[in-house]
Amino acid sequence: MATAEDAIAQQQTAIAQDENLIRLLVGGDVDPALLPASLAEVTPAVAAPPAGMRSEILLRRPDVIQAEYLLRAANADIGVARARLFPTISLTGLLGFASDALSSLFDKGSFAWSAGGDASASIFDFGGRRAGVAVSEAQRDAALASYEGAIQTAFREVADALAVQGTIAERVRAAAANTEAAADTARLSDARYKGGVDSFLASLDAQRSLYAARRSEIATGLLLVQTRIALFRALGGDSSAGSAAP
């Protein structure tokens, strides 16, 4: 009981801290009626990603846009840079999980390329001549490396989120089944205790198992929501990612 009371106190603290974050986000107090009463109210509002989502959506990420502006400042041809460095693939497969193209992108270091001199020249040559401005090689290399890094980070974050997305539904199902089994055990143990067949310790142990199973199920459901939100953020918060705002 003391362990459960401690867990409740921890959750109350977490709720208060989250409410403070919401106030900071909106710049004022929030009507408690607008906040969800349970995790079950939040889950339907955070949709899974659609199938066949193209990688071009990542070009709207703030960090990728920032890196492209740095390239423009170095007189780079953004069209050439995208053609040379940005993989144009499908991010999600038929079920909304990671596509084969995305998974193979990180196989055997195939994504850990370096632009090299030829790529750098093709990206900067046209823009430099057009502007008639000489940009130092170090500045160009830094801007190009920043762009490469932003692209690779974008694809990596999406791949990581989709990796969890691919198994989270099965984990939620398994957690629910475990809770159901633990509830049956607790019910039977309590009946055996009341019938004088088992000791109270056996019934108490079954209740502990049920409590742990329920907490695990809630944690898995929370992970489902967090994963979808992480994917939504990795995709740049784009509305076409399929996640609705709670």
C-alpha atoms as a PDB file:
ATOM      1  CA  MET A   1       0.000   0.000   0.000  1.00  0.00           C
ATOM      2  CA  ALA A   2       2.837   2.356   0.828  1.00  0.00           C
ATOM      3  CA  THR A   3       4.401   1.605  -2.570  1.00  0.00           C
ATOM      4  CA  ALA A   4       1.107   2.445  -4.297  1.00  0.00           C
ATOM      5  CA  GLU A   5       0.745   5.657  -2.299  1.00  0.00           C
ATOM      6  CA  ASP A   6       4.251   6.693  -3.355  1.00  0.00           C
ATOM      7  CA  ALA A   7       3.390   5.998  -7.004  1.00  0.00           C
ATOM      8  CA  ILE A   8       0.252   8.135  -6.715  1.00  0.00           C
ATOM      9  CA  ALA A   9       2.260  11.013  -5.226  1.00  0.00           C
ATOM     10  CA  GLN A  10       4.765  10.777  -8.086  1.00  0.00           C
ATOM     11  CA  GLN A  11       1.982  10.899 -10.672  1.00  0.00           C
ATOM     12  CA  GLN A  12       0.380  13.889  -8.974  1.00  0.00           C
ATOM     13  CA  THR A  13       3.723  15.679  -9.188  1.00  0.00           C
ATOM     14  CA  ALA A  14       4.051  14.785 -12.877  1.00  0.00           C
ATOM     15  CA  ILE A  15       0.533  16.077 -13.582  1.00  0.00           C
ATOM     16  CA  ALA A  16       1.283  19.388 -11.845  1.00  0.00           C
ATOM     17  CA  GLN A  17       4.511  19.781 -13.839  1.00  0.00           C
ATOM     18  CA  ASP A  18       2.726  19.022 -17.118  1.00  0.00           C
ATOM     19  CA  GLU A  19       0.061  21.581 -16.301  1.00  0.00           C
ATOM     20  CA  ASN A  20       2.824  24.136 -15.732  1.00  0.00           C
ATOM     21  CA  LEU A  21       4.268  23.301 -19.159  1.00  0.00           C
ATOM     22  CA  ILE A  22       0.857  23.779 -20.760  1.00  0.00           C
ATOM     23  CA  ARG A  23       0.491  27.178 -19.081  1.00  0.00           C
ATOM     24  CA  LEU A  24       3.912  28.149 -20.399  1.00  0.00           C
ATOM     25  CA  LEU A  25       2.974  26.991 -23.889  1.00  0.00           C
ATOM     26  CA  VAL A  26      -0.314  28.898 -24.110  1.00  0.00           C
ATOM     27  CA  GLY A  27       0.846  31.848 -22.014  1.00  0.00           C
ATOM     28  CA  GLY A  28      -1.902  31.634 -19.389  1.00  0.00           C
ATOM     29  CA  ASP A  29      -4.186  29.454 -17.347  1.00  0.00           C
ATOM     30  CA  VAL A  30      -6.028  26.581 -19.014  1.00  0.00           C
ATOM     31  CA  ASP A  31      -9.593  25.565 -18.273  1.00  0.00           C
ATOM     32  CA  PRO A  32      -9.357  22.144 -16.560  1.00  0.00           C
ATOM     33  CA  ALA A  33     -12.378  21.038 -18.596  1.00  0.00           C
ATOM     34  CA  LEU A  34     -10.215  21.200 -21.719  1.00  0.00           C
ATOM     35  CA  LEU A  35      -7.685  18.730 -20.333  1.00  0.00           C
ATOM     36  CA  PRO A  36      -8.186  14.997 -20.938  1.00  0.00           C
ATOM     37  CA  ALA A  37      -9.418  12.980 -17.989  1.00  0.00           C
ATOM     38  CA  SER A  38      -7.584   9.832 -19.025  1.00  0.00           C
ATOM     39  CA  LEU A  39      -5.134   8.399 -21.528  1.00  0.00           C
ATOM     40  CA  ALA A  40      -8.049   6.774 -23.382  1.00  0.00           C
ATOM     41  CA  GLU A  41      -9.249  10.252 -24.375  1.00  0.00           C
ATOM     42  CA  VAL A  42      -5.859  11.189 -25.817  1.00  0.00           C
ATOM     43  CA  THR A  43      -5.024   8.110 -27.880  1.00  0.00           C
ATOM     44  CA  PRO A  44      -7.724   8.529 -30.593  1.00  0.00           C
ATOM     45  CA  ALA A  45      -6.667  12.147 -31.128  1.00  0.00           C
ATOM     46  CA  VAL A  46      -3.131  11.145 -32.111  1.00  0.00           C
ATOM     47  CA  ALA A  47      -3.492   9.228 -35.350  1.00  0.00           C
ATOM     48  CA  ALA A  48      -1.027   6.796 -36.882  1.00  0.00           C
ATOM     49  CA  PRO A  49       0.902   7.982 -39.972  1.00  0.00           C
ATOM     50  CA  PRO A  50      -0.659   7.272 -43.368  1.00  0.00           C
ATOM     51  CA  ALA A  51       0.768   4.719 -45.777  1.00  0.00           C
ATOM     52  CA  GLY A  52       2.949   5.832 -48.667  1.00  0.00           C
ATOM     53  CA  MET A  53       4.131   9.063 -47.035  1.00  0.00           C
ATOM     54  CA  ARG A  54       6.896  10.589 -49.140  1.00  0.00           C
ATOM     55  CA  SER A  55      10.223  11.829 -47.799  1.00  0.00           C
ATOM     56  CA  GLU A  56       9.700  15.312 -49.296  1.00  0.00           C
ATOM     57  CA  ILE A  57       7.653  16.109 -46.184  1.00  0.00           C
ATOM     58  CA  LEU A  58      10.961  16.338 -44.288  1.00  0.00           C
ATOM     59  CA  LEU A  59      11.939  19.379 -46.348  1.00  0.00           C
ATOM     60  CA  ARG A  60       9.470  21.329 -44.174  1.00  0.00           C
ATOM     61  CA  ARG A  61      11.326  20.530 -40.945  1.00  0.00           C
ATOM     62  CA  PRO A  62      12.631  23.736 -39.323  1.00  0.00           C
ATOM     63  CA  ASP A  63      16.193  22.408 -39.021  1.00  0.00           C
ATOM     64  CA  VAL A  64      16.284  21.382 -42.698  1.00  0.00           C
ATOM     65  CA  ILE A  65      14.876  24.760 -43.750  1.00  0.00           C
ATOM     66  CA  GLN A  66      17.486  26.508 -41.619  1.00  0.00           C
ATOM     67  CA  ALA A  67      20.270  24.449 -43.194  1.00  0.00           C
ATOM     68  CA  GLU A  68      19.003  25.339 -46.669  1.00  0.00           C
ATOM     69  CA  TYR A  69      19.052  29.041 -45.806  1.00  0.00           C
ATOM     70  CA  LEU A  70      22.667  28.670 -44.709  1.00  0.00           C
ATOM     71  CA  LEU A  71      23.426  27.070 -48.062  1.00  0.00           C
ATOM     72  CA  ARG A  72      21.683  29.929 -49.849  1.00  0.00           C
ATOM     73  CA  ALA A  73      23.821  32.359 -47.870  1.00  0.00           C
ATOM     74  CA  ALA A  74      26.855  30.535 -49.258  1.00  0.00           C
ATOM     75  CA  ASN A  75      25.461  30.941 -52.794  1.00  0.00           C
ATOM     76  CA  ALA A  76      24.510  27.304 -53.222  1.00  0.00           C
ATOM     77  CA  ASP A  77      21.999  25.985 -55.736  1.00  0.00           C
ATOM     78  CA  ILE A  78      19.364  24.418 -53.459  1.00  0.00           C
ATOM     79  CA  GLY A  79      17.835  22.417 -56.289  1.00  0.00           C
ATOM     80  CA  VAL A  80      21.172  20.757 -57.003  1.00  0.00           C
ATOM     81  CA  ALA A  81      21.824  20.225 -53.293  1.00  0.00           C
ATOM     82  CA  ARG A  82      18.514  18.433 -52.857  1.00  0.00           C
ATOM     83  CA  ALA A  83      19.099  16.311 -55.932  1.00  0.00           C
ATOM     84  CA  ARG A  84      22.555  15.255 -54.751  1.00  0.00           C
ATOM     85  CA  LEU A  85      21.948  14.805 -51.031  1.00  0.00           C
ATOM     86  CA  PHE A  86      18.243  14.316 -50.280  1.00  0.00           C
ATOM     87  CA  PRO A  87      16.870  10.764 -50.708  1.00  0.00           C
ATOM     88  CA  THR A  88      13.475  10.833 -52.407  1.00  0.00           C
ATOM     89  CA  ILE A  89      11.770   7.719 -51.049  1.00  0.00           C
ATOM     90  CA  SER A  90       8.588   6.519 -49.388  1.00  0.00           C
ATOM     91  CA  LEU A  91       8.865   6.762 -45.593  1.00  0.00           C
ATOM     92  CA  THR A  92       5.951   4.469 -44.723  1.00  0.00           C
ATOM     93  CA  GLY A  93       4.755   1.195 -46.188  1.00  0.00           C
ATOM     94  CA  LEU A  94       1.250  -0.166 -46.652  1.00  0.00           C
ATOM     95  CA  LEU A  95       0.528  -0.449 -42.913  1.00  0.00           C
ATOM     96  CA  GLY A  96       2.033   2.908 -41.973  1.00  0.00           C
ATOM     97  CA  PHE A  97       5.225   1.277 -40.687  1.00  0.00           C
ATOM     98  CA  ALA A  98       8.750   2.015 -41.928  1.00  0.00           C
ATOM     99  CA  SER A  99       9.092   1.296 -45.639  1.00  0.00           C
ATOM    100  CA  ASP A 100      11.749  -1.026 -47.030  1.00  0.00           C
ATOM    101  CA  ALA A 101      13.386   1.986 -48.684  1.00  0.00           C
ATOM    102  CA  LEU A 102      13.728   3.793 -45.355  1.00  0.00           C
ATOM    103  CA  SER A 103      15.039   0.709 -43.576  1.00  0.00           C
ATOM    104  CA  SER A 104      17.643  -0.002 -46.265  1.00  0.00           C
ATOM    105  CA  LEU A 105      18.761   3.626 -46.188  1.00  0.00           C
ATOM    106  CA  PHE A 106      20.694   2.898 -42.975  1.00  0.00           C
ATOM    107  CA  ASP A 107      21.957  -0.562 -43.935  1.00  0.00           C
ATOM    108  CA  LYS A 108      25.722  -0.996 -44.085  1.00  0.00           C
ATOM    109  CA  GLY A 109      26.320   2.724 -43.684  1.00  0.00           C
ATOM    110  CA  SER A 110      24.755   3.572 -47.045  1.00  0.00           C
ATOM    111  CA  PHE A 111      23.526   6.884 -45.627  1.00  0.00           C
ATOM    112  CA  ALA A 112      26.892   7.866 -44.149  1.00  0.00           C
ATOM    113  CA  TRP A 113      28.208   9.362 -47.349  1.00  0.00           C
ATOM    114  CA  SER A 114      30.310  12.470 -47.787  1.00  0.00           C
ATOM    115  CA  ALA A 115      29.519  15.014 -50.452  1.00  0.00           C
ATOM    116  CA  GLY A 116      33.128  15.252 -51.575  1.00  0.00           C
ATOM    117  CA  GLY A 117      34.689  17.749 -53.914  1.00  0.00           C
ATOM    118  CA  ASP A 118      32.650  16.950 -57.011  1.00  0.00           C
ATOM    119  CA  ALA A 119      29.312  17.239 -55.242  1.00  0.00           C
ATOM    120  CA  SER A 120      30.402  20.428 -53.529  1.00  0.00           C
ATOM    121  CA  ALA A 121      31.431  21.950 -56.837  1.00  0.00           C
ATOM    122  CA  SER A 122      28.143  21.076 -58.535  1.00  0.00           C
ATOM    123  CA  ILE A 123      26.143  22.532 -55.657  1.00  0.00           C
ATOM    124  CA  PHE A 124      28.049  25.803 -55.358  1.00  0.00           C
ATOM    125  CA  ASP A 125      29.391  26.440 -58.869  1.00  0.00           C
ATOM    126  CA  PHE A 126      26.232  27.773 -60.517  1.00  0.00           C
ATOM    127  CA  GLY A 127      25.190  29.918 -57.570  1.00  0.00           C
ATOM    128  CA  GLY A 128      28.665  31.342 -57.159  1.00  0.00           C
ATOM    129  CA  ARG A 129      28.951  32.371 -60.804  1.00  0.00           C
ATOM    130  CA  ARG A 130      25.483  33.826 -60.848  1.00  0.00           C
ATOM    131  CA  ALA A 131      26.113  35.988 -57.810  1.00  0.00           C
ATOM    132  CA  GLY A 132      29.670  36.776 -58.732  1.00  0.00           C
ATOM    133  CA  VAL A 133      30.717  36.345 -55.120  1.00  0.00           C
ATOM    134  CA  ALA A 134      33.654  34.249 -53.933  1.00  0.00           C
ATOM    135  CA  VAL A 135      32.808  32.253 -50.839  1.00  0.00           C
ATOM    136  CA  SER A 136      35.559  30.629 -48.828  1.00  0.00           C
ATOM    137  CA  GLU A 137      35.886  26.872 -49.130  1.00  0.00           C
ATOM    138  CA  ALA A 138      35.643  26.488 -45.359  1.00  0.00           C
ATOM    139  CA  GLN A 139      32.321  28.338 -45.252  1.00  0.00           C
ATOM    140  CA  ARG A 140      30.967  26.215 -48.075  1.00  0.00           C
ATOM    141  CA  ASP A 141      32.075  22.985 -46.422  1.00  0.00           C
ATOM    142  CA  ALA A 142      30.511  24.025 -43.123  1.00  0.00           C
ATOM    143  CA  ALA A 143      27.186  24.910 -44.727  1.00  0.00           C
ATOM    144  CA  LEU A 144      27.157  21.703 -46.749  1.00  0.00           C
ATOM    145  CA  ALA A 145      28.040  19.572 -43.714  1.00  0.00           C
ATOM    146  CA  SER A 146      25.263  21.262 -41.737  1.00  0.00           C
ATOM    147  CA  TYR A 147      22.776  20.469 -44.505  1.00  0.00           C
ATOM    148  CA  GLU A 148      23.905  16.852 -44.734  1.00  0.00           C
ATOM    149  CA  GLY A 149      23.645  16.520 -40.964  1.00  0.00           C
ATOM    150  CA  ALA A 150      20.134  18.004 -40.871  1.00  0.00           C
ATOM    151  CA  ILE A 151      18.946  15.600 -43.579  1.00  0.00           C
ATOM    152  CA  GLN A 152      20.475  12.545 -41.930  1.00  0.00           C
ATOM    153  CA  THR A 153      19.073  13.542 -38.525  1.00  0.00           C
ATOM    154  CA  ALA A 154      15.609  13.957 -40.037  1.00  0.00           C
ATOM    155  CA  PHE A 155      15.643  10.505 -41.620  1.00  0.00           C
ATOM    156  CA  ARG A 156      17.137   8.899 -38.502  1.00  0.00           C
ATOM    157  CA  GLU A 157      14.498  10.363 -36.178  1.00  0.00           C
ATOM    158  CA  VAL A 158      11.698   9.220 -38.473  1.00  0.00           C
ATOM    159  CA  ALA A 159      13.222   5.744 -38.773  1.00  0.00           C
ATOM    160  CA  ASP A 160      13.561   5.463 -34.973  1.00  0.00           C
ATOM    161  CA  ALA A 161       9.947   6.524 -34.387  1.00  0.00           C
ATOM    162  CA  LEU A 162       8.637   4.172 -37.066  1.00  0.00           C
ATOM    163  CA  ALA A 163      10.670   1.315 -35.574  1.00  0.00           C
ATOM    164  CA  VAL A 164       8.651   1.621 -32.375  1.00  0.00           C
ATOM    165  CA  GLN A 165       5.471   2.174 -34.374  1.00  0.00           C
ATOM    166  CA  GLY A 166       5.983  -1.179 -36.054  1.00  0.00           C
ATOM    167  CA  THR A 167       5.698  -3.144 -32.788  1.00  0.00           C
ATOM    168  CA  ILE A 168       3.787  -0.924 -30.388  1.00  0.00           C
ATOM    169  CA  ALA A 169       0.343  -2.259 -31.372  1.00  0.00           C
ATOM    170  CA  GLU A 170       1.407  -5.801 -30.482  1.00  0.00           C
ATOM    171  CA  ARG A 171       2.872  -4.557 -27.204  1.00  0.00           C
ATOM    172  CA  VAL A 172      -0.400  -2.817 -26.330  1.00  0.00           C
ATOM    173  CA  ARG A 173      -2.337  -5.996 -27.131  1.00  0.00           C
ATOM    174  CA  ALA A 174       0.028  -8.127 -25.037  1.00  0.00           C
ATOM    175  CA  ALA A 175      -0.135  -5.697 -22.106  1.00  0.00           C
ATOM    176  CA  ALA A 176      -3.948  -5.759 -22.169  1.00  0.00           C
ATOM    177  CA  ALA A 177      -3.950  -9.563 -22.275  1.00  0.00           C
ATOM    178  CA  ASN A 178      -1.524  -9.671 -19.356  1.00  0.00           C
ATOM    179  CA  THR A 179      -3.767  -7.377 -17.302  1.00  0.00           C
ATOM    180  CA  GLU A 180      -6.796  -9.528 -18.095  1.00  0.00           C
ATOM    181  CA  ALA A 181      -4.965 -12.689 -17.019  1.00  0.00           C
ATOM    182  CA  ALA A 182      -3.714 -11.023 -13.833  1.00  0.00           C
ATOM    183  CA  ALA A 183      -7.270  -9.883 -13.028  1.00  0.00           C
ATOM    184  CA  ASP A 184      -8.532 -13.443 -13.415  1.00  0.00           C
ATOM    185  CA  THR A 185      -5.782 -14.707 -11.137  1.00  0.00           C
ATOM    186  CA  ALA A 186      -6.551 -12.064  -8.516  1.00  0.00           C
ATOM    187  CA  ARG A 187     -10.263 -12.886  -8.635  1.00  0.00           C
ATOM    188  CA  LEU A 188      -9.653 -16.620  -8.250  1.00  0.00           C
ATOM    189  CA  SER A 189      -7.089 -16.118  -5.487  1.00  0.00           C
ATOM    190  CA  ASP A 190      -9.506 -13.923  -3.574  1.00  0.00           C
ATOM    191  CA  ALA A 191     -12.236 -16.559  -3.941  1.00  0.00           C
ATOM    192  CA  ARG A 192      -9.873 -19.279  -2.715  1.00  0.00           C
ATOM    193  CA  TYR A 193      -8.864 -17.113   0.270  1.00  0.00           C
ATOM    194  CA  LYS A 194     -12.482 -16.438   1.192  1.00  0.00           C
ATOM    195  CA  GLY A 195     -13.218 -20.151   0.821  1.00  0.00           C
ATOM    196  CA  GLY A 196     -10.406 -21.016   3.196  1.00  0.00           C
ATOM    197  CA  VAL A 197      -8.347 -22.786   0.545  1.00  0.00           C
ATOM    198  CA  ASP A 198      -5.474 -20.271   0.259  1.00  0.00           C
ATOM    199  CA  SER A 199      -3.826 -17.874   2.690  1.00  0.00           C
ATOM    200  CA  PHE A 200      -4.278 -14.124   2.517  1.00  0.00           C
ATOM    201  CA  LEU A 201      -0.642 -13.868   1.374  1.00  0.00           C
ATOM    202  CA  ALA A 202      -1.507 -15.696  -1.866  1.00  0.00           C
ATOM    203  CA  SER A 203      -4.403 -13.312  -2.485  1.00  0.00           C
ATOM    204  CA  LEU A 204      -2.211 -10.301  -1.707  1.00  0.00           C
ATOM    205  CA  ASP A 205       0.480 -11.521  -4.087  1.00  0.00           C
ATOM    206  CA  ALA A 206      -2.110 -11.851  -6.864  1.00  0.00           C
ATOM    207  CA  GLN A 207      -3.274  -8.294  -6.195  1.00  0.00           C
ATOM    208  CA  ARG A 208       0.303  -7.072  -6.429  1.00  0.00           C
ATOM    209  CA  SER A 209       0.685  -8.802  -9.788  1.00  0.00           C
ATOM    210  CA  LEU A 210      -2.532  -7.208 -11.024  1.00  0.00           C
ATOM    211  CA  TYR A 211      -1.369  -3.778  -9.893  1.00  0.00           C
ATOM    212  CA  ALA A 212       1.943  -4.220 -11.725  1.00  0.00           C
ATOM    213  CA  ALA A 213       0.150  -5.436 -14.865  1.00  0.00           C
ATOM    214  CA  ARG A 214      -2.158  -2.415 -14.883  1.00  0.00           C
ATOM    215  CA  ARG A 215       0.763  -0.029 -14.496  1.00  0.00           C
ATOM    216  CA  SER A 216       2.593  -1.780 -17.319  1.00  0.00           C
ATOM    217  CA  GLU A 217      -0.465  -1.539 -19.568  1.00  0.00           C
ATOM    218  CA  ILE A 218      -0.800   2.174 -18.883  1.00  0.00           C
ATOM    219  CA  ALA A 219       2.908   2.722 -19.539  1.00  0.00           C
ATOM    220  CA  THR A 220       2.621   0.900 -22.880  1.00  0.00           C
ATOM    221  CA  GLY A 221      -0.413   2.953 -23.862  1.00  0.00           C
ATOM    222  CA  LEU A 222       1.491   6.112 -22.963  1.00  0.00           C
ATOM    223  CA  LEU A 223       4.419   4.948 -25.097  1.00  0.00           C
ATOM    224  CA  LEU A 224       2.031   4.552 -28.040  1.00  0.00           C
ATOM    225  CA  VAL A 225       0.953   8.183 -27.744  1.00  0.00           C
ATOM    226  CA  GLN A 226       4.498   9.435 -27.148  1.00  0.00           C
ATOM    227  CA  THR A 227       5.786   7.543 -30.177  1.00  0.00           C
ATOM    228  CA  ARG A 228       3.163   9.023 -32.466  1.00  0.00           C
ATOM    229  CA  ILE A 229       3.884  12.503 -31.134  1.00  0.00           C
ATOM    230  CA  ALA A 230       7.628  11.922 -31.614  1.00  0.00           C
ATOM    231  CA  LEU A 231       6.955  10.865 -35.204  1.00  0.00           C
ATOM    232  CA  PHE A 232       4.765  13.923 -35.752  1.00  0.00           C
ATOM    233  CA  ARG A 233       7.615  16.124 -34.512  1.00  0.00           C
ATOM    234  CA  ALA A 234      10.202  14.239 -36.579  1.00  0.00           C
ATOM    235  CA  LEU A 235       8.089  14.928 -39.668  1.00  0.00           C
ATOM    236  CA  GLY A 236       8.218  18.636 -38.896  1.00  0.00           C
ATOM    237  CA  GLY A 237       4.762  18.903 -37.325  1.00  0.00           C
ATOM    238  CA  ASP A 238       3.191  18.762 -40.775  1.00  0.00           C
ATOM    239  CA  SER A 239      -0.588  18.310 -40.887  1.00  0.00           C
ATOM    240  CA  SER A 240      -0.276  15.763 -43.681  1.00  0.00           C
ATOM    241  CA  ALA A 241       1.555  13.441 -41.247  1.00  0.00           C
ATOM    242  CA  GLY A 242      -1.850  12.197 -40.133  1.00  0.00           C
ATOM    243  CA  SER A 243      -1.722  13.178 -36.442  1.00  0.00           C
ATOM    244  CA  ALA A 244      -4.550  15.338 -35.212  1.00  0.00           C
ATOM    245  CA  ALA A 245      -4.021  17.834 -32.445  1.00  0.00           C
ATOM    246  CA  PRO A 246      -5.547  16.694 -29.117  1.00  0.00           C
END
